[in-house]
Amino acid sequence: MLSGLLIIWFEAGHFINLPKTNISHILFGIGGSVRTWENRRHYTELWWKQNVTRGYVWLDEKPDSWLTESPPYKVSENCSNFGSNSAVRIARIVLESFKLGVLSKYDHNRMYYIGGNSESVEQDVLHSYNMAFGGGGFAISYRLAFELAQNLDDCINRYPNLYGSDERISSCIADIGVPFRPSTMIDIRGDPYGPLAAHPVAPIVSLHHLDFVEPLFPNKTRLDSIKMLMDAYNMDPSRTLQQSVCYDSNRNWSVSVSWGNTVQIYPFLVPASELCTPLQTFRTWKTWSENIYTFNIRPVMADPCECPLVYFLDRPATDLCDLGLPKIGVLRHSSLVASVT
């Protein structure tokens, strides 16, 4: 979606007389370029809240104009001494964000490196299983940003042959001795329905390659699909895309719900372990292969009698909340086909 996304945060709850961690304690560093920002800014503007969210888009040059709906921008420092590789410029967002000094009064003592590696084995083998892929973004704590900022340029010089900014940052963090903590990623081709419909009970952090997968909702553009998901997120952020499984013992139905996204109804009993295994509606990023992933998958059956009834969120609604009932979404029916395009 973007060239890279960096998040620097500190955990306020570890300090006496400081409030619990909230969005004001997070600094976003978004790697972009003047040439590509106009086509990609819409995704960022969906979640960026003016005067609430903090951070900058780091550009390769000063733009002719800038919309107020977008985050504020900074122009990256000249790093031509490293060569013309844009990956170096993106990697140095860590250093340049730290040098702004906006977090200098906070000094959290723990070092964290959080992000997503690829679902595709071929990508992880090519790059690393212990690397946060930069397109989906990664988060580092303030203390780790402090350590990186001390010698980042020297570290970049130690790894001139690495491919991207994310590999450089990963190697520099490994030199410090901080382990990688994985989170959500979309480094696949085709339809992301399978993994998103079976997302574990964990926060959804970031989605990658949105311009290279099919829209999240049928009959919508990619941007409109993300707007739909954000509508659900704004209603109940903590549950977005998290899967729940339940059974109707009277009808022998099995039901899987990915909140804010989809509902699957099987008119027969299916083990929970199977319902929590993603349907293979997608392929690997690099070679479009079908069966080399970092998690288990199950096929979409050709026999429609073995497939679930699939419903997608049509719009989030709160009509029943006044009656003391849970927030709901209005659903519409769709079909699940046994092919990957």
C-alpha atoms as a PDB file:
ATOM      1  CA  MET A   1       0.000   0.000   0.000  1.00  0.00           C
ATOM      2  CA  LEU A   2       2.807   2.370   0.907  1.00  0.00           C
ATOM      3  CA  SER A   3       6.556   2.204   0.712  1.00  0.00           C
ATOM      4  CA  GLY A   4       6.681   1.655   4.441  1.00  0.00           C
ATOM      5  CA  LEU A   5       5.018   2.404   7.741  1.00  0.00           C
ATOM      6  CA  LEU A   6       6.875   2.945  10.993  1.00  0.00           C
ATOM      7  CA  ILE A   7       5.229   3.307  14.381  1.00  0.00           C
ATOM      8  CA  ILE A   8       7.195   4.481  17.417  1.00  0.00           C
ATOM      9  CA  TRP A   9       5.432   4.264  20.756  1.00  0.00           C
ATOM     10  CA  PHE A  10       6.047   4.193  24.468  1.00  0.00           C
ATOM     11  CA  GLU A  11       3.982   2.428  27.112  1.00  0.00           C
ATOM     12  CA  ALA A  12       2.691   5.194  29.316  1.00  0.00           C
ATOM     13  CA  GLY A  13       1.190   2.778  31.794  1.00  0.00           C
ATOM     14  CA  HIS A  14       4.678   1.880  33.024  1.00  0.00           C
ATOM     15  CA  PHE A  15       5.228   5.384  34.373  1.00  0.00           C
ATOM     16  CA  ILE A  16       3.813   6.785  37.577  1.00  0.00           C
ATOM     17  CA  ASN A  17       1.288   9.612  37.127  1.00  0.00           C
ATOM     18  CA  LEU A  18       1.051   9.089  33.354  1.00  0.00           C
ATOM     19  CA  PRO A  19      -2.174   8.065  31.583  1.00  0.00           C
ATOM     20  CA  LYS A  20      -2.588   4.686  29.942  1.00  0.00           C
ATOM     21  CA  THR A  21      -1.214   4.326  26.440  1.00  0.00           C
ATOM     22  CA  ASN A  22      -3.434   5.896  23.785  1.00  0.00           C
ATOM     23  CA  ILE A  23      -3.147   7.172  20.224  1.00  0.00           C
ATOM     24  CA  SER A  24      -1.402  10.369  21.374  1.00  0.00           C
ATOM     25  CA  HIS A  25       1.564   8.281  22.540  1.00  0.00           C
ATOM     26  CA  ILE A  26       2.216   6.911  19.041  1.00  0.00           C
ATOM     27  CA  LEU A  27       4.266   8.546  16.288  1.00  0.00           C
ATOM     28  CA  PHE A  28       3.643   7.300  12.739  1.00  0.00           C
ATOM     29  CA  GLY A  29       6.364   7.490  10.098  1.00  0.00           C
ATOM     30  CA  ILE A  30       4.929   6.788   6.633  1.00  0.00           C
ATOM     31  CA  GLY A  31       7.332   6.256   3.753  1.00  0.00           C
ATOM     32  CA  GLY A  32       6.097   7.638   0.451  1.00  0.00           C
ATOM     33  CA  SER A  33       7.067   9.583  -2.640  1.00  0.00           C
ATOM     34  CA  VAL A  34       5.645  12.585  -4.449  1.00  0.00           C
ATOM     35  CA  ARG A  35       5.028  10.427  -7.523  1.00  0.00           C
ATOM     36  CA  THR A  36       2.897   7.781  -5.783  1.00  0.00           C
ATOM     37  CA  TRP A  37       1.239   9.625  -2.903  1.00  0.00           C
ATOM     38  CA  GLU A  38      -1.735  10.978  -4.853  1.00  0.00           C
ATOM     39  CA  ASN A  39      -2.894   7.464  -5.778  1.00  0.00           C
ATOM     40  CA  ARG A  40      -2.234   5.952  -2.354  1.00  0.00           C
ATOM     41  CA  ARG A  41      -3.134   8.696   0.097  1.00  0.00           C
ATOM     42  CA  HIS A  42      -6.797   7.643   0.281  1.00  0.00           C
ATOM     43  CA  TYR A  43      -6.004   4.550   2.365  1.00  0.00           C
ATOM     44  CA  THR A  44      -4.112   6.588   4.954  1.00  0.00           C
ATOM     45  CA  GLU A  45      -6.732   9.327   5.090  1.00  0.00           C
ATOM     46  CA  LEU A  46      -9.332   6.732   6.149  1.00  0.00           C
ATOM     47  CA  TRP A  47      -7.640   6.183   9.507  1.00  0.00           C
ATOM     48  CA  TRP A  48      -5.720   9.430  10.001  1.00  0.00           C
ATOM     49  CA  LYS A  49      -7.466  11.804  12.426  1.00  0.00           C
ATOM     50  CA  GLN A  50      -6.417  15.425  12.200  1.00  0.00           C
ATOM     51  CA  ASN A  51      -5.129  16.881  15.493  1.00  0.00           C
ATOM     52  CA  VAL A  52      -5.325  13.407  17.062  1.00  0.00           C
ATOM     53  CA  THR A  53      -3.006  11.105  15.115  1.00  0.00           C
ATOM     54  CA  ARG A  54       0.643  12.158  15.200  1.00  0.00           C
ATOM     55  CA  GLY A  55       3.321  11.593  12.592  1.00  0.00           C
ATOM     56  CA  TYR A  56       4.516  12.461   9.108  1.00  0.00           C
ATOM     57  CA  VAL A  57       4.651  11.220   5.550  1.00  0.00           C
ATOM     58  CA  TRP A  58       8.327  11.163   4.589  1.00  0.00           C
ATOM     59  CA  LEU A  59       8.736  12.207   0.940  1.00  0.00           C
ATOM     60  CA  ASP A  60      11.628  12.173  -1.492  1.00  0.00           C
ATOM     61  CA  GLU A  61      11.085  15.828  -2.451  1.00  0.00           C
ATOM     62  CA  LYS A  62       8.870  18.791  -1.641  1.00  0.00           C
ATOM     63  CA  PRO A  63       5.419  18.508  -3.271  1.00  0.00           C
ATOM     64  CA  ASP A  64       3.875  21.340  -5.274  1.00  0.00           C
ATOM     65  CA  SER A  65       0.752  21.190  -3.090  1.00  0.00           C
ATOM     66  CA  TRP A  66      -0.551  19.208  -0.119  1.00  0.00           C
ATOM     67  CA  LEU A  67      -4.091  18.404   1.000  1.00  0.00           C
ATOM     68  CA  THR A  68      -5.116  19.068   4.590  1.00  0.00           C
ATOM     69  CA  GLU A  69      -6.837  15.651   4.727  1.00  0.00           C
ATOM     70  CA  SER A  70      -3.437  13.959   4.467  1.00  0.00           C
ATOM     71  CA  PRO A  71      -0.969  13.680   7.345  1.00  0.00           C
ATOM     72  CA  PRO A  72       1.658  16.435   7.451  1.00  0.00           C
ATOM     73  CA  TYR A  73       4.787  15.686   5.469  1.00  0.00           C
ATOM     74  CA  LYS A  74       8.529  15.934   5.912  1.00  0.00           C
ATOM     75  CA  VAL A  75      11.165  15.762   3.195  1.00  0.00           C
ATOM     76  CA  SER A  76      13.772  13.093   3.891  1.00  0.00           C
ATOM     77  CA  GLU A  77      17.359  14.136   4.429  1.00  0.00           C
ATOM     78  CA  ASN A  78      19.811  13.790   1.568  1.00  0.00           C
ATOM     79  CA  CYS A  79      21.259  10.286   1.783  1.00  0.00           C
ATOM     80  CA  SER A  80      23.027  10.212  -1.587  1.00  0.00           C
ATOM     81  CA  ASN A  81      26.221   9.119   0.158  1.00  0.00           C
ATOM     82  CA  PHE A  82      24.529   5.717   0.512  1.00  0.00           C
ATOM     83  CA  GLY A  83      23.792   5.582  -3.230  1.00  0.00           C
ATOM     84  CA  SER A  84      20.479   6.094  -5.018  1.00  0.00           C
ATOM     85  CA  ASN A  85      18.645   3.222  -3.289  1.00  0.00           C
ATOM     86  CA  SER A  86      15.277   4.486  -2.015  1.00  0.00           C
ATOM     87  CA  ALA A  87      15.261   1.658   0.539  1.00  0.00           C
ATOM     88  CA  VAL A  88      17.960   3.508   2.489  1.00  0.00           C
ATOM     89  CA  ARG A  89      15.795   6.641   2.613  1.00  0.00           C
ATOM     90  CA  ILE A  90      12.853   4.645   3.950  1.00  0.00           C
ATOM     91  CA  ALA A  91      15.028   2.830   6.499  1.00  0.00           C
ATOM     92  CA  ARG A  92      16.295   6.164   7.830  1.00  0.00           C
ATOM     93  CA  ILE A  93      12.745   7.212   8.760  1.00  0.00           C
ATOM     94  CA  VAL A  94      13.509   5.608  12.132  1.00  0.00           C
ATOM     95  CA  LEU A  95      16.462   7.942  12.647  1.00  0.00           C
ATOM     96  CA  GLU A  96      14.821  11.073  11.243  1.00  0.00           C
ATOM     97  CA  SER A  97      11.628  10.522  13.252  1.00  0.00           C
ATOM     98  CA  PHE A  98      13.664  10.113  16.412  1.00  0.00           C
ATOM     99  CA  LYS A  99      15.657  13.281  15.684  1.00  0.00           C
ATOM    100  CA  LEU A 100      12.432  15.309  15.663  1.00  0.00           C
ATOM    101  CA  GLY A 101      12.534  15.060  19.460  1.00  0.00           C
ATOM    102  CA  VAL A 102       8.766  14.806  19.902  1.00  0.00           C
ATOM    103  CA  LEU A 103       9.124  11.777  22.187  1.00  0.00           C
ATOM    104  CA  SER A 104      12.243  12.885  24.014  1.00  0.00           C
ATOM    105  CA  LYS A 105      10.515  13.380  27.383  1.00  0.00           C
ATOM    106  CA  TYR A 106       9.484   9.736  27.473  1.00  0.00           C
ATOM    107  CA  ASP A 107      12.009   6.978  28.082  1.00  0.00           C
ATOM    108  CA  HIS A 108      10.358   3.589  28.167  1.00  0.00           C
ATOM    109  CA  ASN A 109      12.916   0.948  29.119  1.00  0.00           C
ATOM    110  CA  ARG A 110      11.593  -2.008  27.134  1.00  0.00           C
ATOM    111  CA  MET A 111      12.523  -2.661  23.518  1.00  0.00           C
ATOM    112  CA  TYR A 112       9.895  -4.080  21.146  1.00  0.00           C
ATOM    113  CA  TYR A 113       9.907  -4.838  17.422  1.00  0.00           C
ATOM    114  CA  ILE A 114       6.447  -5.815  16.131  1.00  0.00           C
ATOM    115  CA  GLY A 115       5.269  -6.480  12.590  1.00  0.00           C
ATOM    116  CA  GLY A 116       4.203  -9.129  10.108  1.00  0.00           C
ATOM    117  CA  ASN A 117       6.258 -11.536   8.064  1.00  0.00           C
ATOM    118  CA  SER A 118       4.915 -13.036   4.853  1.00  0.00           C
ATOM    119  CA  GLU A 119       2.249 -15.727   4.660  1.00  0.00           C
ATOM    120  CA  SER A 120       4.206 -17.074   1.670  1.00  0.00           C
ATOM    121  CA  VAL A 121       7.053 -19.427   2.557  1.00  0.00           C
ATOM    122  CA  GLU A 122       8.955 -18.440  -0.584  1.00  0.00           C
ATOM    123  CA  GLN A 123       9.055 -14.797   0.562  1.00  0.00           C
ATOM    124  CA  ASP A 124      10.177 -15.665   4.088  1.00  0.00           C
ATOM    125  CA  VAL A 125      12.903 -17.970   2.775  1.00  0.00           C
ATOM    126  CA  LEU A 126      14.085 -15.266   0.363  1.00  0.00           C
ATOM    127  CA  HIS A 127      14.111 -12.543   3.021  1.00  0.00           C
ATOM    128  CA  SER A 128      13.599 -13.749   6.608  1.00  0.00           C
ATOM    129  CA  TYR A 129      11.093 -15.366   8.950  1.00  0.00           C
ATOM    130  CA  ASN A 130      12.260 -12.942  11.652  1.00  0.00           C
ATOM    131  CA  MET A 131      11.667  -9.719   9.720  1.00  0.00           C
ATOM    132  CA  ALA A 132       8.703  -7.344   9.790  1.00  0.00           C
ATOM    133  CA  PHE A 133       7.850  -6.752   6.134  1.00  0.00           C
ATOM    134  CA  GLY A 134       7.804  -2.991   5.589  1.00  0.00           C
ATOM    135  CA  GLY A 135       4.801  -2.601   3.311  1.00  0.00           C
ATOM    136  CA  GLY A 136       2.436  -3.669   6.059  1.00  0.00           C
ATOM    137  CA  GLY A 137       4.358  -1.533   8.512  1.00  0.00           C
ATOM    138  CA  PHE A 138       6.114  -2.311  11.757  1.00  0.00           C
ATOM    139  CA  ALA A 139       6.171  -0.844  15.243  1.00  0.00           C
ATOM    140  CA  ILE A 140       9.135  -0.225  17.505  1.00  0.00           C
ATOM    141  CA  SER A 141       9.128   1.109  21.034  1.00  0.00           C
ATOM    142  CA  TYR A 142      10.732   4.417  21.928  1.00  0.00           C
ATOM    143  CA  ARG A 143      13.612   2.736  23.716  1.00  0.00           C
ATOM    144  CA  LEU A 144      14.439   0.635  20.656  1.00  0.00           C
ATOM    145  CA  ALA A 145      14.206   3.729  18.430  1.00  0.00           C
ATOM    146  CA  PHE A 146      16.695   5.397  20.769  1.00  0.00           C
ATOM    147  CA  GLU A 147      19.150   2.510  20.407  1.00  0.00           C
ATOM    148  CA  LEU A 148      18.736   2.378  16.623  1.00  0.00           C
ATOM    149  CA  ALA A 149      19.267   6.114  16.259  1.00  0.00           C
ATOM    150  CA  GLN A 150      22.712   5.926  17.851  1.00  0.00           C
ATOM    151  CA  ASN A 151      24.347   4.028  14.979  1.00  0.00           C
ATOM    152  CA  LEU A 152      21.750   3.517  12.249  1.00  0.00           C
ATOM    153  CA  ASP A 153      23.800   4.991   9.412  1.00  0.00           C
ATOM    154  CA  ASP A 154      26.799   2.847  10.361  1.00  0.00           C
ATOM    155  CA  CYS A 155      24.538  -0.193  10.451  1.00  0.00           C
ATOM    156  CA  ILE A 156      23.100   0.601   7.008  1.00  0.00           C
ATOM    157  CA  ASN A 157      26.654   0.710   5.681  1.00  0.00           C
ATOM    158  CA  ARG A 158      27.265  -2.765   7.129  1.00  0.00           C
ATOM    159  CA  TYR A 159      24.481  -4.243   4.997  1.00  0.00           C
ATOM    160  CA  PRO A 160      24.803  -2.645   1.527  1.00  0.00           C
ATOM    161  CA  ASN A 161      23.578  -5.743  -0.309  1.00  0.00           C
ATOM    162  CA  LEU A 162      20.248  -6.164   1.459  1.00  0.00           C
ATOM    163  CA  TYR A 163      17.159  -5.680  -0.694  1.00  0.00           C
ATOM    164  CA  GLY A 164      14.824  -3.333   1.160  1.00  0.00           C
ATOM    165  CA  SER A 165      14.467  -0.892   4.013  1.00  0.00           C
ATOM    166  CA  ASP A 166      12.692  -3.526   6.115  1.00  0.00           C
ATOM    167  CA  GLU A 167      15.622  -5.950   5.779  1.00  0.00           C
ATOM    168  CA  ARG A 168      18.067  -3.255   6.825  1.00  0.00           C
ATOM    169  CA  ILE A 169      16.050  -2.300   9.900  1.00  0.00           C
ATOM    170  CA  SER A 170      15.549  -5.966  10.793  1.00  0.00           C
ATOM    171  CA  SER A 171      19.289  -6.641  10.614  1.00  0.00           C
ATOM    172  CA  CYS A 172      20.120  -3.570  12.682  1.00  0.00           C
ATOM    173  CA  ILE A 173      17.572  -4.581  15.329  1.00  0.00           C
ATOM    174  CA  ALA A 174      18.996  -8.116  15.354  1.00  0.00           C
ATOM    175  CA  ASP A 175      22.438  -6.618  16.010  1.00  0.00           C
ATOM    176  CA  ILE A 176      20.979  -4.974  19.119  1.00  0.00           C
ATOM    177  CA  GLY A 177      19.563  -8.344  20.186  1.00  0.00           C
ATOM    178  CA  VAL A 178      15.829  -7.583  20.154  1.00  0.00           C
ATOM    179  CA  PRO A 179      13.528 -10.426  18.983  1.00  0.00           C
ATOM    180  CA  PHE A 180      10.818 -10.046  16.365  1.00  0.00           C
ATOM    181  CA  ARG A 181       7.159 -10.306  17.468  1.00  0.00           C
ATOM    182  CA  PRO A 182       4.878 -11.234  14.541  1.00  0.00           C
ATOM    183  CA  SER A 183       1.440  -9.754  13.773  1.00  0.00           C
ATOM    184  CA  THR A 184      -0.974  -9.531  10.802  1.00  0.00           C
ATOM    185  CA  MET A 185       0.179  -9.243   7.183  1.00  0.00           C
ATOM    186  CA  ILE A 186      -1.242  -9.645   3.669  1.00  0.00           C
ATOM    187  CA  ASP A 187       1.638 -10.681   1.416  1.00  0.00           C
ATOM    188  CA  ILE A 188      -0.456 -12.732  -0.999  1.00  0.00           C
ATOM    189  CA  ARG A 189      -2.203 -12.567  -4.372  1.00  0.00           C
ATOM    190  CA  GLY A 190      -5.796 -13.190  -5.331  1.00  0.00           C
ATOM    191  CA  ASP A 191      -8.681 -13.047  -2.874  1.00  0.00           C
ATOM    192  CA  PRO A 192      -7.747 -12.383   0.793  1.00  0.00           C
ATOM    193  CA  TYR A 193     -11.119 -13.706   1.975  1.00  0.00           C
ATOM    194  CA  GLY A 194      -9.716 -16.955   3.414  1.00  0.00           C
ATOM    195  CA  PRO A 195      -7.259 -15.564   5.984  1.00  0.00           C
ATOM    196  CA  LEU A 196      -9.452 -12.572   6.874  1.00  0.00           C
ATOM    197  CA  ALA A 197     -12.483 -14.799   7.510  1.00  0.00           C
ATOM    198  CA  ALA A 198     -10.399 -16.931   9.883  1.00  0.00           C
ATOM    199  CA  HIS A 199      -8.407 -14.197  11.598  1.00  0.00           C
ATOM    200  CA  PRO A 200      -7.456 -15.187  15.159  1.00  0.00           C
ATOM    201  CA  VAL A 201      -8.677 -13.407  18.275  1.00  0.00           C
ATOM    202  CA  ALA A 202      -5.979 -10.759  18.103  1.00  0.00           C
ATOM    203  CA  PRO A 203      -5.962  -7.091  17.095  1.00  0.00           C
ATOM    204  CA  ILE A 204      -5.743  -6.366  13.380  1.00  0.00           C
ATOM    205  CA  VAL A 205      -2.713  -4.099  13.043  1.00  0.00           C
ATOM    206  CA  SER A 206      -1.996  -3.450   9.374  1.00  0.00           C
ATOM    207  CA  LEU A 207      -2.867  -4.773   5.915  1.00  0.00           C
ATOM    208  CA  HIS A 208      -0.371  -4.943   3.059  1.00  0.00           C
ATOM    209  CA  HIS A 209      -0.648  -4.984  -0.768  1.00  0.00           C
ATOM    210  CA  LEU A 210      -4.239  -3.746  -0.865  1.00  0.00           C
ATOM    211  CA  ASP A 211      -3.776  -2.649  -4.478  1.00  0.00           C
ATOM    212  CA  PHE A 212      -2.663  -6.159  -5.485  1.00  0.00           C
ATOM    213  CA  VAL A 213      -5.429  -8.301  -3.992  1.00  0.00           C
ATOM    214  CA  GLU A 214      -9.105  -8.403  -4.823  1.00  0.00           C
ATOM    215  CA  PRO A 215     -11.428  -6.038  -2.916  1.00  0.00           C
ATOM    216  CA  LEU A 216     -12.338  -7.240   0.568  1.00  0.00           C
ATOM    217  CA  PHE A 217     -16.065  -7.016  -0.233  1.00  0.00           C
ATOM    218  CA  PRO A 218     -17.765  -8.143  -3.465  1.00  0.00           C
ATOM    219  CA  ASN A 219     -19.064  -5.546  -5.909  1.00  0.00           C
ATOM    220  CA  LYS A 220     -16.982  -2.795  -4.315  1.00  0.00           C
ATOM    221  CA  THR A 221     -13.746  -1.093  -5.243  1.00  0.00           C
ATOM    222  CA  ARG A 222     -10.680  -1.657  -3.105  1.00  0.00           C
ATOM    223  CA  LEU A 223     -11.011   1.772  -1.526  1.00  0.00           C
ATOM    224  CA  ASP A 224     -14.742   1.370  -0.854  1.00  0.00           C
ATOM    225  CA  SER A 225     -14.022  -2.025   0.718  1.00  0.00           C
ATOM    226  CA  ILE A 226     -11.595  -0.454   3.170  1.00  0.00           C
ATOM    227  CA  LYS A 227     -14.129   2.286   3.909  1.00  0.00           C
ATOM    228  CA  MET A 228     -16.663  -0.428   4.730  1.00  0.00           C
ATOM    229  CA  LEU A 229     -14.205  -2.154   7.041  1.00  0.00           C
ATOM    230  CA  MET A 230     -13.391   1.161   8.718  1.00  0.00           C
ATOM    231  CA  ASP A 231     -17.107   1.749   9.349  1.00  0.00           C
ATOM    232  CA  ALA A 232     -17.190  -1.530  11.267  1.00  0.00           C
ATOM    233  CA  TYR A 233     -13.913  -0.679  12.988  1.00  0.00           C
ATOM    234  CA  ASN A 234     -15.234   2.671  14.190  1.00  0.00           C
ATOM    235  CA  MET A 235     -18.195   0.880  15.766  1.00  0.00           C
ATOM    236  CA  ASP A 236     -16.136  -1.736  17.628  1.00  0.00           C
ATOM    237  CA  PRO A 237     -12.352  -1.452  17.050  1.00  0.00           C
ATOM    238  CA  SER A 238     -11.256  -4.228  19.389  1.00  0.00           C
ATOM    239  CA  ARG A 239     -13.193  -6.973  17.563  1.00  0.00           C
ATOM    240  CA  THR A 240     -12.576  -6.057  13.923  1.00  0.00           C
ATOM    241  CA  LEU A 241     -11.975  -9.188  11.792  1.00  0.00           C
ATOM    242  CA  GLN A 242     -11.668 -11.418  14.856  1.00  0.00           C
ATOM    243  CA  GLN A 243     -13.225 -14.818  14.302  1.00  0.00           C
ATOM    244  CA  SER A 244     -15.871 -16.362  16.533  1.00  0.00           C
ATOM    245  CA  VAL A 245     -17.290 -19.873  16.108  1.00  0.00           C
ATOM    246  CA  CYS A 246     -20.632 -21.145  17.390  1.00  0.00           C
ATOM    247  CA  TYR A 247     -23.091 -23.992  16.799  1.00  0.00           C
ATOM    248  CA  ASP A 248     -26.859 -24.360  16.560  1.00  0.00           C
ATOM    249  CA  SER A 249     -27.429 -27.781  18.109  1.00  0.00           C
ATOM    250  CA  ASN A 250     -31.104 -27.857  17.112  1.00  0.00           C
ATOM    251  CA  ARG A 251     -30.332 -27.473  13.405  1.00  0.00           C
ATOM    252  CA  ASN A 252     -26.805 -28.953  13.434  1.00  0.00           C
ATOM    253  CA  TRP A 253     -25.472 -25.720  11.988  1.00  0.00           C
ATOM    254  CA  SER A 254     -21.894 -24.479  12.277  1.00  0.00           C
ATOM    255  CA  VAL A 255     -21.386 -20.711  12.174  1.00  0.00           C
ATOM    256  CA  SER A 256     -18.176 -18.726  11.759  1.00  0.00           C
ATOM    257  CA  VAL A 257     -18.227 -14.939  12.179  1.00  0.00           C
ATOM    258  CA  SER A 258     -15.435 -12.553  11.202  1.00  0.00           C
ATOM    259  CA  TRP A 259     -16.704  -9.381  12.841  1.00  0.00           C
ATOM    260  CA  GLY A 260     -17.191  -6.495  10.436  1.00  0.00           C
ATOM    261  CA  ASN A 261     -16.511  -8.706   7.432  1.00  0.00           C
ATOM    262  CA  THR A 262     -18.315 -11.995   6.850  1.00  0.00           C
ATOM    263  CA  VAL A 263     -20.442 -14.815   8.249  1.00  0.00           C
ATOM    264  CA  GLN A 264     -20.209 -18.442   7.097  1.00  0.00           C
ATOM    265  CA  ILE A 265     -23.069 -20.848   7.826  1.00  0.00           C
ATOM    266  CA  TYR A 266     -22.564 -24.575   7.299  1.00  0.00           C
ATOM    267  CA  PRO A 267     -25.823 -26.581   7.397  1.00  0.00           C
ATOM    268  CA  PHE A 268     -23.904 -29.411   9.083  1.00  0.00           C
ATOM    269  CA  LEU A 269     -21.439 -29.773  11.951  1.00  0.00           C
ATOM    270  CA  VAL A 270     -17.829 -28.793  11.275  1.00  0.00           C
ATOM    271  CA  PRO A 271     -15.064 -29.070  13.912  1.00  0.00           C
ATOM    272  CA  ALA A 272     -13.852 -25.747  15.279  1.00  0.00           C
ATOM    273  CA  SER A 273     -10.294 -26.625  14.274  1.00  0.00           C
ATOM    274  CA  GLU A 274     -11.452 -26.800  10.657  1.00  0.00           C
ATOM    275  CA  LEU A 275     -13.494 -23.597  10.821  1.00  0.00           C
ATOM    276  CA  CYS A 276     -10.427 -21.777  12.155  1.00  0.00           C
ATOM    277  CA  THR A 277      -8.312 -22.962   9.214  1.00  0.00           C
ATOM    278  CA  PRO A 278      -8.344 -20.408   6.356  1.00  0.00           C
ATOM    279  CA  LEU A 279      -9.964 -21.348   3.071  1.00  0.00           C
ATOM    280  CA  GLN A 280      -7.532 -21.159   0.191  1.00  0.00           C
ATOM    281  CA  THR A 281      -8.929 -18.294  -1.832  1.00  0.00           C
ATOM    282  CA  PHE A 282      -5.453 -16.849  -2.459  1.00  0.00           C
ATOM    283  CA  ARG A 283      -1.980 -17.641  -3.788  1.00  0.00           C
ATOM    284  CA  THR A 284       1.585 -16.770  -2.868  1.00  0.00           C
ATOM    285  CA  TRP A 285       2.969 -13.332  -3.619  1.00  0.00           C
ATOM    286  CA  LYS A 286       5.978 -14.140  -5.779  1.00  0.00           C
ATOM    287  CA  THR A 287       5.075 -17.188  -7.889  1.00  0.00           C
ATOM    288  CA  TRP A 288       1.285 -17.439  -7.443  1.00  0.00           C
ATOM    289  CA  SER A 289       1.717 -20.941  -5.986  1.00  0.00           C
ATOM    290  CA  GLU A 290      -1.147 -22.657  -4.194  1.00  0.00           C
ATOM    291  CA  ASN A 291       0.229 -24.584  -1.244  1.00  0.00           C
ATOM    292  CA  ILE A 292       3.361 -23.213   0.435  1.00  0.00           C
ATOM    293  CA  TYR A 293       2.266 -21.018   3.337  1.00  0.00           C
ATOM    294  CA  THR A 294       3.279 -20.446   6.930  1.00  0.00           C
ATOM    295  CA  PHE A 295      -0.083 -21.732   8.204  1.00  0.00           C
ATOM    296  CA  ASN A 296      -2.515 -24.541   7.422  1.00  0.00           C
ATOM    297  CA  ILE A 297      -5.131 -24.056   4.719  1.00  0.00           C
ATOM    298  CA  ARG A 298      -8.201 -25.959   3.541  1.00  0.00           C
ATOM    299  CA  PRO A 299      -9.595 -26.104   0.015  1.00  0.00           C
ATOM    300  CA  VAL A 300     -12.750 -24.471  -1.256  1.00  0.00           C
ATOM    301  CA  MET A 301     -14.843 -27.485  -2.190  1.00  0.00           C
ATOM    302  CA  ALA A 302     -16.161 -27.885  -5.734  1.00  0.00           C
ATOM    303  CA  ASP A 303     -19.410 -29.424  -4.477  1.00  0.00           C
ATOM    304  CA  PRO A 304     -21.692 -26.531  -3.420  1.00  0.00           C
ATOM    305  CA  CYS A 305     -23.323 -28.829  -0.849  1.00  0.00           C
ATOM    306  CA  GLU A 306     -20.001 -28.898   1.017  1.00  0.00           C
ATOM    307  CA  CYS A 307     -19.549 -25.120   0.929  1.00  0.00           C
ATOM    308  CA  PRO A 308     -20.905 -22.673   3.493  1.00  0.00           C
ATOM    309  CA  LEU A 309     -23.530 -20.051   2.878  1.00  0.00           C
ATOM    310  CA  VAL A 310     -21.479 -16.860   2.834  1.00  0.00           C
ATOM    311  CA  TYR A 311     -22.731 -13.456   3.924  1.00  0.00           C
ATOM    312  CA  PHE A 312     -20.826 -10.181   3.784  1.00  0.00           C
ATOM    313  CA  LEU A 313     -21.358  -7.050   5.805  1.00  0.00           C
ATOM    314  CA  ASP A 314     -23.614  -4.671   3.902  1.00  0.00           C
ATOM    315  CA  ARG A 315     -23.476  -1.891   6.479  1.00  0.00           C
ATOM    316  CA  PRO A 316     -22.900  -1.656  10.222  1.00  0.00           C
ATOM    317  CA  ALA A 317     -25.991  -0.763  12.208  1.00  0.00           C
ATOM    318  CA  THR A 318     -26.869   0.145  15.781  1.00  0.00           C
ATOM    319  CA  ASP A 319     -30.646  -0.047  15.474  1.00  0.00           C
ATOM    320  CA  LEU A 320     -30.974  -2.668  18.206  1.00  0.00           C
ATOM    321  CA  CYS A 321     -28.648  -0.994  20.683  1.00  0.00           C
ATOM    322  CA  ASP A 322     -31.480   1.052  22.178  1.00  0.00           C
ATOM    323  CA  LEU A 323     -33.123  -2.238  23.111  1.00  0.00           C
ATOM    324  CA  GLY A 324     -30.035  -3.359  24.989  1.00  0.00           C
ATOM    325  CA  LEU A 325     -29.029  -5.808  22.257  1.00  0.00           C
ATOM    326  CA  PRO A 326     -25.516  -6.051  20.790  1.00  0.00           C
ATOM    327  CA  LYS A 327     -24.359  -3.958  17.882  1.00  0.00           C
ATOM    328  CA  ILE A 328     -25.037  -5.751  14.634  1.00  0.00           C
ATOM    329  CA  GLY A 329     -24.324  -5.495  10.952  1.00  0.00           C
ATOM    330  CA  VAL A 330     -26.756  -5.866   8.079  1.00  0.00           C
ATOM    331  CA  LEU A 331     -25.540  -8.754   5.907  1.00  0.00           C
ATOM    332  CA  ARG A 332     -25.948  -9.709   2.282  1.00  0.00           C
ATOM    333  CA  HIS A 333     -25.534 -13.147   0.745  1.00  0.00           C
ATOM    334  CA  SER A 334     -22.755 -14.097  -1.644  1.00  0.00           C
ATOM    335  CA  SER A 335     -21.267 -17.271  -3.117  1.00  0.00           C
ATOM    336  CA  LEU A 336     -17.951 -18.952  -2.467  1.00  0.00           C
ATOM    337  CA  VAL A 337     -16.492 -20.486  -5.611  1.00  0.00           C
ATOM    338  CA  ALA A 338     -13.923 -23.261  -5.827  1.00  0.00           C
ATOM    339  CA  SER A 339     -11.359 -21.398  -7.909  1.00  0.00           C
ATOM    340  CA  VAL A 340      -8.633 -18.839  -7.411  1.00  0.00           C
ATOM    341  CA  THR A 341      -8.235 -16.097  -9.996  1.00  0.00           C
END
